[in-house]
Amino acid sequence: MTASFGHHLYILRHAHSSWARPGERDHQRPLDERGARDADRLAEILGEESVKIDAVACSTARRAVDTLTPLRAALGNDVAIDYSDDLYALGAEAYFAAAARAPANVSALLIVGHNPMVEEFTAQLAGDGDEAARAALAGGFPTCALAIVGLPRPLAEVAPGSGRLLRVVRP
């Protein structure tokens, strides 16, 4: 699924969600049918390609958690998950901080979050990248899209321009 880099960030925008219902906060919005199908399909792709993720940082918003749920079987039961309000409420700097907080033994981290933050984070992180991958994000970061960024250095040293966009998966 990726070129040979020592470390990888898998950056996932939550799947398509429903509009807030009366009395429901934005944070509580669930996936709609399309979103659930897309999350299931992404889980299939990750399983088929035997993607190895060491840890997950996920927004606490329901639509992000619901997107992660079907992926958990493909990732394995021993993958540590850190749920963070910062990935919901703060900007791209929260995504850099989540990556830098990953334990030293983590070489592949999945971050599940929201736009516009995932788009800004990916653009800032990937100084260059595969032409097809860059074209896939040129019009924005679609729901349930997964950007894969290779890093030559450990996650603790993640910084703007330190990665290379390798691939974008759109279920």
Protein backbone atom coordinates (compact mmCIF):
# COMPACT_ATOMS: atom_id res chain seq x y z
CA MET A 1 0.00 0.00 0.00
CA THR A 2 2.93 2.37 0.52
CA ALA A 3 6.46 3.03 -0.62
CA SER A 4 9.28 2.14 1.69
CA PHE A 5 9.40 4.73 4.46
CA GLY A 6 10.26 4.00 8.07
CA HIS A 7 7.10 5.64 9.40
CA HIS A 8 3.61 6.33 8.08
CA LEU A 9 0.66 8.52 8.94
CA TYR A 10 -2.73 7.35 7.74
CA ILE A 11 -4.98 10.39 7.78
CA LEU A 12 -8.69 9.62 7.55
CA ARG A 13 -11.54 12.07 7.27
CA HIS A 14 -14.66 10.64 8.91
CA ALA A 15 -17.25 9.09 6.61
CA HIS A 16 -20.33 10.97 5.41
CA SER A 17 -22.64 11.93 8.26
CA SER A 18 -26.24 12.92 8.69
CA TRP A 19 -27.34 16.42 9.57
CA ALA A 20 -27.91 17.14 13.22
CA ARG A 21 -31.38 16.22 14.40
CA PRO A 22 -33.40 18.60 16.58
CA GLY A 23 -31.74 18.85 19.98
CA GLU A 24 -28.60 17.08 18.76
CA ARG A 25 -25.20 18.77 18.95
CA ASP A 26 -22.80 18.67 16.01
CA HIS A 27 -20.51 16.42 18.07
CA GLN A 28 -23.31 13.80 18.25
CA ARG A 29 -24.04 13.49 14.50
CA PRO A 30 -23.93 9.83 13.34
CA LEU A 31 -22.94 8.46 9.95
CA ASP A 32 -25.66 8.25 7.34
CA GLU A 33 -26.18 5.15 5.16
CA ARG A 34 -23.60 6.24 2.60
CA GLY A 35 -21.06 6.90 5.34
CA ALA A 36 -21.62 3.49 6.93
CA ARG A 37 -21.17 1.78 3.53
CA ASP A 38 -18.00 3.74 2.83
CA ALA A 39 -16.51 2.92 6.24
CA ASP A 40 -17.31 -0.77 5.74
CA ARG A 41 -15.69 -0.68 2.27
CA LEU A 42 -12.58 1.04 3.62
CA ALA A 43 -12.32 -1.68 6.28
CA GLU A 44 -12.44 -4.28 3.50
CA ILE A 45 -9.68 -2.50 1.58
CA LEU A 46 -7.44 -2.28 4.65
CA GLY A 47 -8.02 -5.97 5.33
CA GLU A 48 -7.38 -7.02 1.72
CA GLU A 49 -4.16 -5.04 1.65
CA SER A 50 -3.05 -6.24 5.11
CA VAL A 51 -2.38 -2.70 6.30
CA LYS A 52 -0.44 -2.66 9.57
CA ILE A 53 -1.45 0.16 11.93
CA ASP A 54 0.25 0.34 15.32
CA ALA A 55 -1.97 2.93 17.00
CA VAL A 56 -4.94 5.23 16.38
CA ALA A 57 -5.73 8.81 17.37
CA CYS A 58 -9.43 9.48 16.87
CA SER A 59 -11.69 12.46 17.39
CA THR A 60 -14.35 11.97 20.06
CA ALA A 61 -17.12 13.10 17.68
CA ARG A 62 -19.62 10.31 17.05
CA ARG A 63 -19.12 10.33 13.26
CA ALA A 64 -15.36 9.81 13.68
CA VAL A 65 -15.86 7.01 16.22
CA ASP A 66 -18.50 5.42 13.96
CA THR A 67 -16.05 5.57 11.03
CA LEU A 68 -13.36 3.84 13.09
CA THR A 69 -15.66 1.07 14.35
CA PRO A 70 -15.68 -1.16 11.23
CA LEU A 71 -11.95 -0.58 10.73
CA ARG A 72 -11.08 -2.07 14.11
CA ALA A 73 -11.46 -5.66 12.87
CA ALA A 74 -8.99 -4.98 10.04
CA LEU A 75 -6.58 -3.24 12.42
CA GLY A 76 -6.58 -5.96 15.08
CA ASN A 77 -7.69 -5.98 18.68
CA ASP A 78 -4.34 -4.97 20.15
CA VAL A 79 -4.17 -1.55 18.48
CA ALA A 80 -4.18 1.22 21.08
CA ILE A 81 -6.74 3.98 20.47
CA ASP A 82 -6.41 7.49 21.89
CA TYR A 83 -9.68 9.43 21.69
CA SER A 84 -9.08 13.17 21.62
CA ASP A 85 -11.42 16.16 21.85
CA ASP A 86 -8.59 18.23 20.33
CA LEU A 87 -9.01 16.49 16.96
CA TYR A 88 -12.60 17.74 16.93
CA ALA A 89 -12.17 21.22 18.36
CA LEU A 90 -8.73 22.46 17.34
CA GLY A 91 -6.85 23.06 14.11
CA ALA A 92 -4.06 21.32 12.23
CA GLU A 93 -1.69 21.88 15.15
CA ALA A 94 -3.73 19.33 17.15
CA TYR A 95 -3.06 16.75 14.43
CA PHE A 96 0.69 17.43 14.53
CA ALA A 97 0.55 17.10 18.33
CA ALA A 98 -1.36 13.79 18.11
CA ALA A 99 1.27 12.38 15.76
CA ALA A 100 4.14 13.60 17.93
CA ARG A 101 2.51 12.05 21.05
CA ALA A 102 2.53 8.55 19.56
CA PRO A 103 4.66 6.13 21.57
CA ALA A 104 8.22 5.62 20.27
CA ASN A 105 7.44 2.06 19.12
CA VAL A 106 4.64 3.26 16.79
CA SER A 107 5.71 3.43 13.15
CA ALA A 108 2.21 3.58 11.60
CA LEU A 109 -0.42 5.86 13.12
CA LEU A 110 -4.00 6.29 11.92
CA ILE A 111 -5.56 9.68 12.67
CA VAL A 112 -9.35 9.94 12.28
CA GLY A 113 -10.61 13.49 12.14
CA HIS A 114 -12.50 16.27 10.42
CA ASN A 115 -12.25 18.80 7.65
CA PRO A 116 -10.92 21.38 7.24
CA MET A 117 -8.29 20.19 9.72
CA VAL A 118 -7.34 16.92 7.97
CA GLU A 119 -6.95 18.78 4.69
CA GLU A 120 -4.80 21.50 6.26
CA PHE A 121 -2.74 18.95 8.21
CA THR A 122 -2.09 16.80 5.13
CA ALA A 123 -1.18 19.81 2.99
CA GLN A 124 1.20 21.16 5.64
CA LEU A 125 2.73 17.76 6.39
CA ALA A 126 3.37 16.54 2.84
CA GLY A 127 5.96 18.74 1.25
CA ASP A 128 5.65 16.73 -1.93
CA GLY A 129 4.00 13.59 -3.12
CA ASP A 130 2.78 11.22 -5.74
CA GLU A 131 1.16 13.11 -8.60
CA ALA A 132 -2.03 10.98 -8.61
CA ALA A 133 -2.37 11.31 -4.83
CA ARG A 134 -1.95 15.06 -4.97
CA ALA A 135 -4.52 15.26 -7.78
CA ALA A 136 -6.98 13.19 -5.68
CA LEU A 137 -6.89 15.88 -2.98
CA ALA A 138 -6.66 18.91 -5.28
CA GLY A 139 -10.41 19.57 -5.03
CA GLY A 140 -10.60 18.95 -1.28
CA PHE A 141 -10.42 16.04 1.15
CA PRO A 142 -13.52 13.85 0.58
CA THR A 143 -15.38 12.08 3.38
CA CYS A 144 -13.94 8.64 4.21
CA ALA A 145 -10.82 9.36 2.15
CA LEU A 146 -7.57 8.02 3.55
CA ALA A 147 -4.33 9.88 2.81
CA ILE A 148 -1.14 7.92 3.37
CA VAL A 149 1.96 9.95 4.14
CA GLY A 150 5.43 8.43 4.40
CA LEU A 151 7.87 9.89 6.90
CA PRO A 152 11.63 9.28 6.89
CA ARG A 153 11.92 10.13 10.60
CA PRO A 154 10.04 9.03 13.74
CA LEU A 155 6.57 10.40 14.45
CA ALA A 156 7.92 12.41 17.39
CA GLU A 157 9.78 14.53 14.82
CA VAL A 158 6.76 15.22 12.59
CA ALA A 159 6.77 18.77 11.27
CA PRO A 160 5.42 20.74 8.32
CA GLY A 161 6.99 19.54 5.08
CA SER A 162 8.46 16.42 6.68
CA GLY A 163 6.36 13.86 4.81
CA ARG A 164 5.57 12.65 1.33
CA LEU A 165 1.99 12.00 0.20
CA LEU A 166 2.09 8.45 -1.14
CA ARG A 167 -1.49 7.51 -1.85
CA VAL A 168 -5.13 8.46 -1.37
CA VAL A 169 -7.71 5.70 -0.91
CA ARG A 170 -11.34 6.56 -1.61
CA PRO A 171 -13.82 3.77 -0.95
